[in-house]
Amino acid sequence: MLRALSALGARPPRRPPGLLLLPARGRKSRHDPPAKSKAGRLATPPAVDPAEFHVLTERYRLYRQTVGALRQEFVTEVQRKVRESRVGVLAERRAQEKAAEHQELMAFNRQENQRLHELRLARLQQEAREQERQRAEEQARRAQEAQAWAQLKQQEVLQLQEEVKNFITRENLEARVEEALDSPKNYNWAVTKEGHVIRPQHKG
């Protein structure tokens, strides 16, 4: 049965090249002619049960698959151990370099944060001084406007006081009427499109 399976699908074992097998005593070599009694006999393999052949083939396939997976796992484990043993020192050195680089970056980060903090404080102080200056300028401008407005009102009051002197009252009503009669004014005049004033000519 196994011989039939090996003849159907199994690979024959490889022999190293150059190895010659010496014929054993009492046996013929490969190149000797067959015996006369076996000249016409045909070698017929034994009968194979198809169900048993299918079961054995499946079992051999699963066996080769399992053994191959275990062999691959063992090879991977060995390679990993060899690689770890080789790169262990390099990994440790790389970790030390990364730790040193991290410390340097942290120190640089602290310095940069301190520098930015000082710049921010200086900017806030400058903004505070600028706001104080603008507030003082605004107060001075408002004071100037208030002073100018008071001066303007004072001038208006003085002007109004001067105009009050020329107002017509009951006391000077007769004097103003006589003055108006003594100096008559003629408002009968016109202005041309060119801007010339035309006054009436008195006949006499």
N, C-alpha and C. Protein backbone atom coordinates (compact mmCIF):
# COMPACT_ATOMS: atom_id res chain seq x y z
N MET A 1 0.83 -1.20 0.00
CA MET A 1 0.00 0.00 0.00
C MET A 1 0.86 1.25 0.00
N LEU A 2 1.85 1.30 0.90
CA LEU A 2 2.74 2.45 0.95
C LEU A 2 3.58 2.54 -0.29
N ARG A 3 3.95 1.40 -0.84
CA ARG A 3 4.73 1.41 -2.07
C ARG A 3 3.91 1.98 -3.22
N ALA A 4 2.63 1.67 -3.24
CA ALA A 4 1.76 2.21 -4.29
C ALA A 4 1.58 3.70 -4.12
N LEU A 5 1.44 4.16 -2.87
CA LEU A 5 1.32 5.59 -2.64
C LEU A 5 2.58 6.34 -3.03
N SER A 6 3.71 5.77 -2.70
CA SER A 6 4.96 6.43 -3.10
C SER A 6 5.13 6.46 -4.59
N ALA A 7 4.65 5.44 -5.26
CA ALA A 7 4.74 5.43 -6.73
C ALA A 7 3.79 6.42 -7.36
N LEU A 8 2.61 6.68 -6.69
CA LEU A 8 1.64 7.60 -7.27
C LEU A 8 1.97 9.06 -7.02
N GLY A 9 2.30 9.43 -5.80
CA GLY A 9 2.45 10.86 -5.52
C GLY A 9 3.64 11.24 -4.68
N ALA A 10 4.18 10.33 -3.94
CA ALA A 10 5.28 10.69 -3.03
C ALA A 10 6.55 10.90 -3.81
N ARG A 11 7.35 11.81 -3.36
CA ARG A 11 8.61 12.09 -4.01
C ARG A 11 9.67 11.08 -3.56
N PRO A 12 10.45 10.58 -4.46
CA PRO A 12 11.50 9.62 -4.06
C PRO A 12 12.60 10.35 -3.32
N PRO A 13 13.22 9.71 -2.33
CA PRO A 13 14.31 10.36 -1.59
C PRO A 13 15.50 10.64 -2.48
N ARG A 14 16.06 11.82 -2.26
CA ARG A 14 17.23 12.22 -3.06
C ARG A 14 18.51 11.63 -2.48
N ARG A 15 19.34 11.14 -3.36
CA ARG A 15 20.62 10.60 -2.94
C ARG A 15 21.72 11.56 -3.36
N PRO A 16 22.69 11.72 -2.53
CA PRO A 16 23.80 12.61 -2.92
C PRO A 16 24.48 12.13 -4.18
N PRO A 17 24.84 13.11 -5.04
CA PRO A 17 25.47 12.69 -6.32
C PRO A 17 26.84 12.05 -6.05
N GLY A 18 27.15 11.14 -6.92
CA GLY A 18 28.47 10.51 -6.84
C GLY A 18 28.55 9.32 -5.92
N LEU A 19 27.41 8.98 -5.23
CA LEU A 19 27.43 7.86 -4.31
C LEU A 19 27.02 6.59 -5.07
N LEU A 20 27.89 5.64 -5.13
CA LEU A 20 27.64 4.40 -5.85
C LEU A 20 27.34 3.29 -4.86
N LEU A 21 26.27 2.53 -5.15
CA LEU A 21 25.91 1.39 -4.30
C LEU A 21 26.55 0.12 -4.84
N LEU A 22 27.27 -0.53 -4.01
CA LEU A 22 27.90 -1.79 -4.42
C LEU A 22 26.89 -2.92 -4.35
N PRO A 23 26.84 -3.75 -5.35
CA PRO A 23 25.88 -4.86 -5.34
C PRO A 23 26.17 -5.82 -4.20
N ALA A 24 25.11 -6.25 -3.54
CA ALA A 24 25.27 -7.23 -2.46
C ALA A 24 25.48 -8.63 -3.05
N ARG A 25 26.06 -9.51 -2.29
CA ARG A 25 26.34 -10.87 -2.75
C ARG A 25 25.05 -11.66 -2.86
N GLY A 26 24.91 -12.30 -3.96
CA GLY A 26 23.72 -13.08 -4.17
C GLY A 26 22.60 -12.32 -4.84
N ARG A 27 22.80 -11.07 -5.16
CA ARG A 27 21.78 -10.28 -5.83
C ARG A 27 22.34 -9.73 -7.12
N LYS A 28 21.48 -9.55 -8.08
CA LYS A 28 21.91 -9.03 -9.36
C LYS A 28 21.96 -7.51 -9.32
N SER A 29 22.78 -6.96 -10.18
CA SER A 29 22.87 -5.51 -10.29
C SER A 29 21.72 -4.99 -11.13
N ARG A 30 21.67 -3.68 -11.27
CA ARG A 30 20.59 -3.04 -11.99
C ARG A 30 20.65 -3.33 -13.48
N HIS A 31 21.81 -3.55 -13.98
CA HIS A 31 21.98 -3.70 -15.43
C HIS A 31 21.97 -5.16 -15.87
N ASP A 32 21.86 -6.10 -14.96
CA ASP A 32 21.80 -7.51 -15.34
C ASP A 32 20.47 -7.83 -15.98
N PRO A 33 20.42 -8.68 -16.96
CA PRO A 33 19.15 -9.06 -17.59
C PRO A 33 18.29 -9.86 -16.62
N PRO A 34 16.98 -9.83 -16.79
CA PRO A 34 16.12 -10.60 -15.90
C PRO A 34 16.33 -12.11 -16.09
N ALA A 35 15.89 -12.84 -15.11
CA ALA A 35 16.00 -14.30 -15.20
C ALA A 35 15.05 -14.84 -16.25
N LYS A 36 15.36 -16.04 -16.75
CA LYS A 36 14.54 -16.62 -17.82
C LYS A 36 13.17 -16.97 -17.30
N SER A 37 13.11 -17.32 -16.00
CA SER A 37 11.80 -17.69 -15.45
C SER A 37 10.89 -16.48 -15.25
N LYS A 38 11.46 -15.30 -15.22
CA LYS A 38 10.66 -14.10 -15.00
C LYS A 38 10.66 -13.17 -16.20
N ALA A 39 11.06 -13.69 -17.36
CA ALA A 39 11.18 -12.84 -18.54
C ALA A 39 9.82 -12.32 -18.99
N GLY A 40 8.79 -13.13 -18.94
CA GLY A 40 7.49 -12.70 -19.44
C GLY A 40 6.54 -12.24 -18.36
N ARG A 41 6.98 -12.14 -17.10
CA ARG A 41 6.07 -11.75 -16.03
C ARG A 41 5.96 -10.21 -15.96
N LEU A 42 4.78 -9.72 -15.79
CA LEU A 42 4.54 -8.29 -15.66
C LEU A 42 4.32 -7.97 -14.18
N ALA A 43 5.01 -6.93 -13.72
CA ALA A 43 4.87 -6.52 -12.32
C ALA A 43 3.57 -5.72 -12.17
N THR A 44 2.63 -6.29 -11.47
CA THR A 44 1.34 -5.62 -11.22
C THR A 44 1.31 -5.16 -9.78
N PRO A 45 1.03 -3.89 -9.53
CA PRO A 45 0.96 -3.40 -8.16
C PRO A 45 -0.25 -3.98 -7.45
N PRO A 46 -0.20 -4.03 -6.14
CA PRO A 46 -1.36 -4.57 -5.41
C PRO A 46 -2.56 -3.64 -5.54
N ALA A 47 -3.72 -4.19 -5.34
CA ALA A 47 -4.95 -3.40 -5.45
C ALA A 47 -5.02 -2.38 -4.31
N VAL A 48 -5.54 -1.20 -4.62
CA VAL A 48 -5.65 -0.10 -3.67
C VAL A 48 -7.12 0.25 -3.50
N ASP A 49 -7.51 0.33 -2.22
CA ASP A 49 -8.88 0.74 -1.91
C ASP A 49 -9.00 2.26 -2.09
N PRO A 50 -9.94 2.74 -2.94
CA PRO A 50 -10.02 4.20 -3.17
C PRO A 50 -10.33 4.98 -1.89
N ALA A 51 -11.20 4.46 -1.02
CA ALA A 51 -11.54 5.18 0.22
C ALA A 51 -10.32 5.27 1.14
N GLU A 52 -9.62 4.11 1.27
CA GLU A 52 -8.43 4.12 2.12
C GLU A 52 -7.34 5.02 1.53
N PHE A 53 -7.22 5.01 0.21
CA PHE A 53 -6.24 5.87 -0.44
C PHE A 53 -6.56 7.36 -0.21
N HIS A 54 -7.82 7.73 -0.28
CA HIS A 54 -8.22 9.12 -0.04
C HIS A 54 -7.93 9.52 1.41
N VAL A 55 -8.26 8.62 2.37
CA VAL A 55 -8.01 8.92 3.78
C VAL A 55 -6.52 9.09 4.05
N LEU A 56 -5.71 8.16 3.52
CA LEU A 56 -4.28 8.25 3.75
C LEU A 56 -3.67 9.50 3.09
N THR A 57 -4.14 9.81 1.90
CA THR A 57 -3.64 11.02 1.22
C THR A 57 -3.96 12.28 2.01
N GLU A 58 -5.19 12.37 2.53
CA GLU A 58 -5.59 13.54 3.32
C GLU A 58 -4.79 13.62 4.61
N ARG A 59 -4.56 12.45 5.24
CA ARG A 59 -3.79 12.46 6.49
C ARG A 59 -2.34 12.87 6.24
N TYR A 60 -1.76 12.39 5.14
CA TYR A 60 -0.40 12.80 4.81
C TYR A 60 -0.32 14.30 4.51
N ARG A 61 -1.35 14.82 3.85
CA ARG A 61 -1.36 16.25 3.56
C ARG A 61 -1.44 17.07 4.85
N LEU A 62 -2.33 16.68 5.75
CA LEU A 62 -2.43 17.39 7.03
C LEU A 62 -1.15 17.25 7.84
N TYR A 63 -0.53 16.07 7.78
CA TYR A 63 0.73 15.86 8.51
C TYR A 63 1.82 16.80 7.97
N ARG A 64 1.95 16.83 6.63
CA ARG A 64 2.98 17.70 6.05
C ARG A 64 2.68 19.18 6.34
N GLN A 65 1.39 19.55 6.32
CA GLN A 65 1.03 20.94 6.62
C GLN A 65 1.35 21.30 8.07
N THR A 66 1.02 20.42 9.01
CA THR A 66 1.29 20.69 10.43
C THR A 66 2.78 20.74 10.71
N VAL A 67 3.50 19.76 10.18
CA VAL A 67 4.95 19.74 10.40
C VAL A 67 5.62 20.95 9.76
N GLY A 68 5.15 21.35 8.58
CA GLY A 68 5.72 22.53 7.93
C GLY A 68 5.46 23.81 8.73
N ALA A 69 4.24 23.93 9.30
CA ALA A 69 3.93 25.10 10.12
C ALA A 69 4.78 25.13 11.38
N LEU A 70 4.94 23.95 12.03
CA LEU A 70 5.80 23.90 13.22
C LEU A 70 7.24 24.22 12.87
N ARG A 71 7.72 23.68 11.75
CA ARG A 71 9.09 23.97 11.34
C ARG A 71 9.27 25.47 11.07
N GLN A 72 8.29 26.09 10.40
CA GLN A 72 8.37 27.53 10.11
C GLN A 72 8.34 28.35 11.39
N GLU A 73 7.52 27.92 12.36
CA GLU A 73 7.46 28.62 13.65
C GLU A 73 8.78 28.51 14.39
N PHE A 74 9.37 27.33 14.39
CA PHE A 74 10.66 27.15 15.07
C PHE A 74 11.75 27.97 14.39
N VAL A 75 11.73 28.00 13.05
CA VAL A 75 12.74 28.77 12.32
C VAL A 75 12.58 30.26 12.62
N THR A 76 11.33 30.73 12.66
CA THR A 76 11.09 32.14 12.98
C THR A 76 11.56 32.48 14.39
N GLU A 77 11.30 31.58 15.33
CA GLU A 77 11.73 31.82 16.71
C GLU A 77 13.25 31.87 16.81
N VAL A 78 13.91 30.95 16.14
CA VAL A 78 15.37 30.95 16.17
C VAL A 78 15.93 32.21 15.52
N GLN A 79 15.36 32.60 14.38
CA GLN A 79 15.83 33.82 13.72
C GLN A 79 15.59 35.05 14.58
N ARG A 80 14.46 35.08 15.29
CA ARG A 80 14.19 36.21 16.16
C ARG A 80 15.18 36.29 17.31
N LYS A 81 15.49 35.14 17.90
CA LYS A 81 16.47 35.14 18.98
C LYS A 81 17.85 35.56 18.49
N VAL A 82 18.23 35.08 17.30
CA VAL A 82 19.53 35.48 16.75
C VAL A 82 19.56 36.98 16.47
N ARG A 83 18.45 37.49 15.90
CA ARG A 83 18.39 38.91 15.60
C ARG A 83 18.41 39.76 16.87
N GLU A 84 17.70 39.30 17.90
CA GLU A 84 17.72 40.05 19.16
C GLU A 84 19.09 40.02 19.81
N SER A 85 19.75 38.87 19.72
CA SER A 85 21.10 38.81 20.30
C SER A 85 22.08 39.68 19.54
N ARG A 86 21.86 39.84 18.24
CA ARG A 86 22.77 40.66 17.44
C ARG A 86 22.50 42.15 17.64
N VAL A 87 21.22 42.52 17.65
CA VAL A 87 20.88 43.94 17.71
C VAL A 87 20.57 44.39 19.12
N GLY A 88 20.79 43.56 20.12
CA GLY A 88 20.49 43.97 21.49
C GLY A 88 21.33 45.15 21.93
N VAL A 89 22.62 45.11 21.64
CA VAL A 89 23.50 46.22 22.02
C VAL A 89 23.14 47.47 21.23
N LEU A 90 22.86 47.29 19.94
CA LEU A 90 22.48 48.45 19.12
C LEU A 90 21.17 49.05 19.59
N ALA A 91 20.23 48.18 19.98
CA ALA A 91 18.95 48.70 20.47
C ALA A 91 19.13 49.47 21.77
N GLU A 92 19.97 48.94 22.66
CA GLU A 92 20.22 49.65 23.91
C GLU A 92 20.89 50.99 23.65
N ARG A 93 21.86 51.00 22.74
CA ARG A 93 22.52 52.26 22.41
C ARG A 93 21.55 53.24 21.77
N ARG A 94 20.68 52.71 20.89
CA ARG A 94 19.70 53.58 20.25
C ARG A 94 18.71 54.15 21.28
N ALA A 95 18.34 53.32 22.26
CA ALA A 95 17.44 53.81 23.31
C ALA A 95 18.11 54.90 24.14
N GLN A 96 19.39 54.72 24.44
CA GLN A 96 20.11 55.76 25.18
C GLN A 96 20.20 57.05 24.38
N GLU A 97 20.47 56.93 23.07
CA GLU A 97 20.52 58.12 22.22
C GLU A 97 19.17 58.82 22.16
N LYS A 98 18.10 58.03 22.06
CA LYS A 98 16.77 58.64 22.04
C LYS A 98 16.45 59.34 23.36
N ALA A 99 16.86 58.72 24.48
CA ALA A 99 16.62 59.35 25.78
C ALA A 99 17.40 60.66 25.90
N ALA A 100 18.67 60.65 25.44
CA ALA A 100 19.46 61.88 25.49
C ALA A 100 18.86 62.95 24.59
N GLU A 101 18.43 62.54 23.40
CA GLU A 101 17.80 63.50 22.49
C GLU A 101 16.51 64.06 23.07
N HIS A 102 15.76 63.20 23.78
CA HIS A 102 14.52 63.66 24.41
C HIS A 102 14.82 64.69 25.50
N GLN A 103 15.85 64.44 26.30
CA GLN A 103 16.22 65.41 27.33
C GLN A 103 16.65 66.74 26.71
N GLU A 104 17.42 66.69 25.64
CA GLU A 104 17.83 67.93 24.97
C GLU A 104 16.63 68.68 24.42
N LEU A 105 15.70 67.94 23.82
CA LEU A 105 14.51 68.60 23.28
C LEU A 105 13.65 69.21 24.39
N MET A 106 13.56 68.52 25.53
CA MET A 106 12.79 69.07 26.64
C MET A 106 13.44 70.33 27.18
N ALA A 107 14.79 70.33 27.29
CA ALA A 107 15.48 71.53 27.75
C ALA A 107 15.27 72.69 26.77
N PHE A 108 15.38 72.39 25.48
CA PHE A 108 15.14 73.43 24.47
C PHE A 108 13.70 73.93 24.54
N ASN A 109 12.76 73.02 24.80
CA ASN A 109 11.35 73.42 24.90
C ASN A 109 11.14 74.35 26.09
N ARG A 110 11.78 74.04 27.23
CA ARG A 110 11.65 74.91 28.40
C ARG A 110 12.25 76.29 28.13
N GLN A 111 13.42 76.32 27.48
CA GLN A 111 14.03 77.61 27.16
C GLN A 111 13.15 78.41 26.21
N GLU A 112 12.60 77.74 25.23
CA GLU A 112 11.74 78.44 24.27
C GLU A 112 10.47 78.96 24.95
N ASN A 113 9.90 78.16 25.86
CA ASN A 113 8.72 78.62 26.58
C ASN A 113 9.04 79.83 27.46
N GLN A 114 10.21 79.81 28.11
CA GLN A 114 10.61 80.95 28.93
C GLN A 114 10.81 82.20 28.09
N ARG A 115 11.44 82.03 26.92
CA ARG A 115 11.66 83.18 26.02
C ARG A 115 10.32 83.74 25.54
N LEU A 116 9.40 82.86 25.14
CA LEU A 116 8.10 83.33 24.68
C LEU A 116 7.31 83.98 25.82
N HIS A 117 7.47 83.46 27.04
CA HIS A 117 6.79 84.07 28.20
C HIS A 117 7.31 85.48 28.45
N GLU A 118 8.62 85.67 28.37
CA GLU A 118 9.19 87.01 28.55
C GLU A 118 8.73 87.95 27.45
N LEU A 119 8.71 87.46 26.21
CA LEU A 119 8.21 88.30 25.11
C LEU A 119 6.75 88.68 25.32
N ARG A 120 5.96 87.74 25.81
CA ARG A 120 4.54 88.03 26.04
C ARG A 120 4.38 89.07 27.14
N LEU A 121 5.16 88.96 28.23
CA LEU A 121 5.08 89.95 29.29
C LEU A 121 5.48 91.33 28.79
N ALA A 122 6.57 91.37 27.98
CA ALA A 122 6.99 92.66 27.44
C ALA A 122 5.92 93.25 26.53
N ARG A 123 5.27 92.39 25.72
CA ARG A 123 4.21 92.87 24.83
C ARG A 123 3.02 93.39 25.62
N LEU A 124 2.65 92.66 26.69
CA LEU A 124 1.52 93.13 27.51
C LEU A 124 1.84 94.44 28.21
N GLN A 125 3.09 94.60 28.69
CA GLN A 125 3.47 95.86 29.31
C GLN A 125 3.45 97.00 28.29
N GLN A 126 3.93 96.72 27.07
CA GLN A 126 3.91 97.75 26.03
C GLN A 126 2.47 98.13 25.67
N GLU A 127 1.59 97.12 25.59
CA GLU A 127 0.18 97.41 25.30
C GLU A 127 -0.45 98.22 26.43
N ALA A 128 -0.09 97.90 27.69
CA ALA A 128 -0.64 98.65 28.81
C ALA A 128 -0.19 100.11 28.76
N ARG A 129 1.12 100.32 28.47
CA ARG A 129 1.61 101.70 28.35
C ARG A 129 0.94 102.43 27.20
N GLU A 130 0.74 101.73 26.10
CA GLU A 130 0.09 102.36 24.94
C GLU A 130 -1.36 102.73 25.28
N GLN A 131 -2.06 101.82 25.97
CA GLN A 131 -3.43 102.14 26.37
C GLN A 131 -3.47 103.32 27.34
N GLU A 132 -2.50 103.39 28.26
CA GLU A 132 -2.45 104.52 29.20
C GLU A 132 -2.18 105.83 28.46
N ARG A 133 -1.27 105.77 27.48
CA ARG A 133 -0.99 106.98 26.70
C ARG A 133 -2.21 107.43 25.91
N GLN A 134 -2.90 106.45 25.27
CA GLN A 134 -4.10 106.80 24.53
C GLN A 134 -5.18 107.36 25.45
N ARG A 135 -5.29 106.80 26.68
CA ARG A 135 -6.27 107.31 27.62
C ARG A 135 -5.94 108.74 28.04
N ALA A 136 -4.64 109.01 28.27
CA ALA A 136 -4.24 110.37 28.65
C ALA A 136 -4.50 111.35 27.50
N GLU A 137 -4.16 110.92 26.26
CA GLU A 137 -4.42 111.78 25.10
C GLU A 137 -5.91 112.04 24.94
N GLU A 138 -6.73 111.00 25.18
CA GLU A 138 -8.17 111.19 25.06
C GLU A 138 -8.68 112.18 26.11
N GLN A 139 -8.18 112.06 27.35
CA GLN A 139 -8.58 113.00 28.38
C GLN A 139 -8.14 114.42 28.06
N ALA A 140 -6.89 114.57 27.53
CA ALA A 140 -6.42 115.91 27.16
C ALA A 140 -7.26 116.48 26.03
N ARG A 141 -7.60 115.62 25.05
CA ARG A 141 -8.42 116.11 23.93
C ARG A 141 -9.79 116.55 24.41
N ARG A 142 -10.38 115.75 25.31
CA ARG A 142 -11.69 116.13 25.84
C ARG A 142 -11.61 117.42 26.65
N ALA A 143 -10.52 117.58 27.41
CA ALA A 143 -10.36 118.82 28.18
C ALA A 143 -10.23 120.02 27.25
N GLN A 144 -9.45 119.86 26.16
CA GLN A 144 -9.31 120.94 25.19
C GLN A 144 -10.64 121.25 24.52
N GLU A 145 -11.39 120.22 24.16
CA GLU A 145 -12.69 120.45 23.54
C GLU A 145 -13.63 121.16 24.52
N ALA A 146 -13.60 120.77 25.79
CA ALA A 146 -14.45 121.43 26.78
C ALA A 146 -14.05 122.89 26.96
N GLN A 147 -12.73 123.12 26.97
CA GLN A 147 -12.26 124.50 27.11
C GLN A 147 -12.65 125.33 25.90
N ALA A 148 -12.48 124.75 24.70
CA ALA A 148 -12.86 125.48 23.48
C ALA A 148 -14.36 125.75 23.46
N TRP A 149 -15.16 124.74 23.88
CA TRP A 149 -16.61 124.93 23.92
C TRP A 149 -16.98 126.02 24.92
N ALA A 150 -16.29 126.08 26.09
CA ALA A 150 -16.57 127.13 27.08
C ALA A 150 -16.19 128.49 26.53
N GLN A 151 -15.03 128.58 25.82
CA GLN A 151 -14.64 129.85 25.22
C GLN A 151 -15.63 130.29 24.16
N LEU A 152 -16.09 129.32 23.35
CA LEU A 152 -17.08 129.66 22.33
C LEU A 152 -18.37 130.17 22.96
N LYS A 153 -18.83 129.54 24.00
CA LYS A 153 -20.05 129.99 24.66
C LYS A 153 -19.83 131.36 25.32
N GLN A 154 -18.64 131.55 25.83
CA GLN A 154 -18.35 132.86 26.44
C GLN A 154 -18.36 133.95 25.38
N GLN A 155 -17.77 133.64 24.21
CA GLN A 155 -17.82 134.62 23.12
C GLN A 155 -19.24 134.88 22.67
N GLU A 156 -20.05 133.82 22.61
CA GLU A 156 -21.44 134.01 22.23
C GLU A 156 -22.17 134.89 23.26
N VAL A 157 -21.87 134.66 24.51
CA VAL A 157 -22.50 135.49 25.55
C VAL A 157 -22.08 136.95 25.42
N LEU A 158 -20.77 137.19 25.16
CA LEU A 158 -20.29 138.56 24.99
C LEU A 158 -20.91 139.20 23.77
N GLN A 159 -21.00 138.41 22.69
CA GLN A 159 -21.61 138.96 21.48
C GLN A 159 -23.08 139.27 21.72
N LEU A 160 -23.74 138.38 22.44
CA LEU A 160 -25.14 138.63 22.73
C LEU A 160 -25.31 139.86 23.63
N GLN A 161 -24.38 140.04 24.54
CA GLN A 161 -24.43 141.24 25.38
C GLN A 161 -24.23 142.50 24.55
N GLU A 162 -23.32 142.44 23.56
CA GLU A 162 -23.12 143.57 22.68
C GLU A 162 -24.37 143.83 21.84
N GLU A 163 -25.01 142.74 21.38
CA GLU A 163 -26.22 142.93 20.57
C GLU A 163 -27.38 143.45 21.41
N VAL A 164 -27.38 143.10 22.67
CA VAL A 164 -28.48 143.57 23.53
C VAL A 164 -28.49 145.09 23.62
N LYS A 165 -27.31 145.68 23.50
CA LYS A 165 -27.23 147.13 23.58
C LYS A 165 -28.00 147.80 22.45
N ASN A 166 -28.14 147.12 21.30
CA ASN A 166 -28.85 147.70 20.15
C ASN A 166 -30.30 147.25 20.08
N PHE A 167 -30.77 146.51 21.06
CA PHE A 167 -32.17 146.11 21.05
C PHE A 167 -33.09 147.33 21.27
N ILE A 168 -34.30 147.27 20.72
CA ILE A 168 -35.29 148.34 20.91
C ILE A 168 -36.10 148.04 22.15
N THR A 169 -36.07 148.93 23.07
CA THR A 169 -36.83 148.78 24.32
C THR A 169 -37.86 149.92 24.43
N ARG A 170 -38.62 149.91 25.46
CA ARG A 170 -39.60 150.96 25.67
C ARG A 170 -38.92 152.30 25.95
N GLU A 171 -37.76 152.22 26.54
CA GLU A 171 -37.08 153.47 26.88
C GLU A 171 -36.55 154.18 25.63
N ASN A 172 -36.02 153.38 24.65
CA ASN A 172 -35.43 154.02 23.45
C ASN A 172 -36.31 153.84 22.22
N LEU A 173 -37.58 153.54 22.40
CA LEU A 173 -38.44 153.31 21.25
C LEU A 173 -38.64 154.61 20.44
N GLU A 174 -38.92 155.71 21.09
CA GLU A 174 -39.16 156.97 20.37
C GLU A 174 -37.89 157.44 19.69
N ALA A 175 -36.76 157.30 20.33
CA ALA A 175 -35.50 157.73 19.72
C ALA A 175 -35.18 156.90 18.48
N ARG A 176 -35.49 155.62 18.54
CA ARG A 176 -35.22 154.77 17.37
C ARG A 176 -36.18 155.08 16.22
N VAL A 177 -37.37 155.41 16.54
CA VAL A 177 -38.32 155.77 15.48
C VAL A 177 -37.88 157.06 14.81
N GLU A 178 -37.49 158.05 15.58
CA GLU A 178 -37.02 159.31 15.01
C GLU A 178 -35.76 159.09 14.18
N GLU A 179 -34.88 158.21 14.67
CA GLU A 179 -33.65 157.93 13.91
C GLU A 179 -33.96 157.24 12.59
N ALA A 180 -34.91 156.34 12.57
CA ALA A 180 -35.29 155.68 11.33
C ALA A 180 -35.94 156.64 10.35
N LEU A 181 -36.71 157.58 10.88
CA LEU A 181 -37.33 158.55 9.99
C LEU A 181 -36.30 159.53 9.42
N ASP A 182 -35.30 159.85 10.20
CA ASP A 182 -34.28 160.77 9.72
C ASP A 182 -33.34 160.13 8.69
N SER A 183 -33.20 158.88 8.70
CA SER A 183 -32.31 158.21 7.73
C SER A 183 -33.10 157.12 7.01
N PRO A 184 -33.90 157.55 6.02
CA PRO A 184 -34.70 156.53 5.30
C PRO A 184 -33.79 155.65 4.42
N LYS A 185 -34.18 154.41 4.26
CA LYS A 185 -33.45 153.44 3.43
C LYS A 185 -34.41 152.85 2.42
N ASN A 186 -33.92 152.74 1.20
CA ASN A 186 -34.72 152.22 0.10
C ASN A 186 -34.26 150.79 -0.22
N TYR A 187 -35.16 149.89 -0.05
CA TYR A 187 -34.85 148.47 -0.36
C TYR A 187 -35.40 148.06 -1.72
N ASN A 188 -35.75 149.02 -2.53
CA ASN A 188 -36.28 148.71 -3.85
C ASN A 188 -35.12 148.63 -4.83
N TRP A 189 -34.48 147.51 -4.90
CA TRP A 189 -33.37 147.30 -5.84
C TRP A 189 -33.38 145.84 -6.26
N ALA A 190 -32.64 145.52 -7.31
CA ALA A 190 -32.63 144.17 -7.89
C ALA A 190 -31.21 143.79 -8.28
N VAL A 191 -31.03 142.49 -8.54
CA VAL A 191 -29.72 141.94 -8.94
C VAL A 191 -29.91 141.18 -10.23
N THR A 192 -29.08 141.52 -11.25
CA THR A 192 -29.15 140.83 -12.53
C THR A 192 -28.46 139.46 -12.45
N LYS A 193 -28.60 138.69 -13.56
CA LYS A 193 -27.95 137.39 -13.62
C LYS A 193 -26.43 137.49 -13.57
N GLU A 194 -25.92 138.67 -14.06
CA GLU A 194 -24.47 138.85 -14.03
C GLU A 194 -23.99 139.30 -12.67
N GLY A 195 -24.91 139.58 -11.73
CA GLY A 195 -24.52 139.99 -10.39
C GLY A 195 -24.47 141.49 -10.20
N HIS A 196 -24.99 142.27 -11.16
CA HIS A 196 -25.00 143.72 -11.01
C HIS A 196 -26.23 144.15 -10.22
N VAL A 197 -26.03 145.11 -9.37
CA VAL A 197 -27.11 145.64 -8.54
C VAL A 197 -27.72 146.87 -9.26
N ILE A 198 -29.00 146.84 -9.43
CA ILE A 198 -29.70 147.94 -10.09
C ILE A 198 -30.55 148.65 -9.04
N ARG A 199 -30.22 149.91 -8.83
CA ARG A 199 -30.97 150.70 -7.86
C ARG A 199 -31.86 151.72 -8.60
N PRO A 200 -32.95 152.09 -7.99
CA PRO A 200 -33.83 153.07 -8.67
C PRO A 200 -33.17 154.46 -8.64
N GLN A 201 -33.39 155.15 -9.74
CA GLN A 201 -32.83 156.50 -9.87
C GLN A 201 -33.88 157.51 -9.39
N HIS A 202 -33.45 158.43 -8.49
CA HIS A 202 -34.37 159.45 -7.98
C HIS A 202 -34.59 160.55 -9.03
N LYS A 203 -35.79 160.93 -9.22
CA LYS A 203 -36.10 162.01 -10.18
C LYS A 203 -36.00 163.34 -9.46
N GLY A 204 -35.46 164.21 -10.05
CA GLY A 204 -35.39 165.55 -9.43
C GLY A 204 -34.61 166.38 -10.30
